[in-house]
Amino acid sequence: MEDLMPYANSILNPYLEEWREGGGQVVGYCCVATPREILDAAGILPYRIRALGNPDKELADAYLARFNCSFCRACLQLGLDGTYDFLDGLVETNGCDHLRGMFENWQYVKKMDFFHYLKVPHIITEESLEFFAEELELYREAISKYFEKDISDDSLREAMNRNNRVRAKMKELFSMRERERPALTGAETMSVLMLESSVPPSVFEDFLDDLIEERDSKEITGYRSRLLMAGSATDEMVLMKEIEDVGGLIVTDALCYGTRAFWDLPELEGDPIHAMADAYLKHLLCPRMFDDYQARLDFTMDAARRAKVDGAVLVYNKFCDLHGVENVRLRMDMEKEGIPVLVLEKEYGAGADIGRIRTRVQAFLERIGG
């Protein structure tokens, strides 16, 4: 784990550089609604955009107003300042208005040759599933045409099986922190997820096998309370580490840069495009899905019960409309079930605000008796 952490904390890593030097192509995406399998089937590395707590937003603020989500502005900053110039293209989704603003301003300034807009429905019906399947077919055609790759149904099934195998191993590893004596921390699990979307799949699968074997006999001690973390998009391992440094061990989560990205395994029956449409849309546990709150609550409560948490920390980036509203309802419902909740509004890149965050977490731990 110690050897992998520096790779996870970097935008580029030696494995990604070797992939690029060998002629491999890389396409960036951000939202978990983007089926990675289509890129994988084309032999392209799907790279999940992250900012890793980057506090700089000066360039981005010239294009996105400061009442936009600071995570999206931090990612846009890295896109505009050249950090992400190694990407061969971008796939945008309508995850939220802030995310769309990030992608569209990035493309406006940098003019990437490959830029595809994948439209994702906000409700789950037979009609929306059929619409999404058509969008995935257009997505496959766009990649196939621009990169001159043949993406057959068989190659899609192979990519789906490979990704499901990785998801199953990720689930096994992440479940180790839910034990009575956790085998890894929340910051460590997030670092694994960051690594997963920035190295070739075959490399990452070998890493997972080694990590599962290495961590199986480990025990984390010295913490005061077991916590669940949920809320808006954050890849801030520093934030998790700060919470854990004051004694709140994050033993499970419901984050899109966390278990929501892989926990439910998609079915592989039938036509691969329709199977992906069904799997991704029905398991998209994000408040952008207007009428699916009960599924999100059930997912979060199941995680809390499995991990036997003492409390929950619901984070959201300032100006995040979706999670700002969602966290109010989620807090009330979780507290009805006897789970104490801390709602934590923050700016992304929380280094300057870490003193306030530590104080609030410490007070919360005192309140719940940790």
Foldseek 3Di string as FASTA:
>chain_A
DVVLLVCLLDLADPQLVVCVVVVAAEEEEAFLLDPCLLCVLQRHQYAHQFLQLDPDQVVLCVQDPPLAAQRLSSSLVCLVVCVPVRHQYYEAEPQDPSSVSSVVVSCVRVVRVHYHYQYQDQEDDPVNLVVNLVSVVVVSVSCCVPVVGDRDQVSSLVSLVLLLVVLVLLLLQLLQLLDPFRLDFPLVNLSLLSVCRHHDSVVSVVVSVVSCVVSVPHGDDDAQWEEEEEEEDDSHSVLRVLLVVLRYTDSYYHYCSHCLSRVDRFDCDDRNSSSSSVRSNVSNLFLSNPPCLVVVLVVRVVRCVSSVGLAYEYEYERSPVRRVVSVVVSQVVVVVVVHHYHYYYAHRSCPVVSVVVSVSSNVVSVVSPD
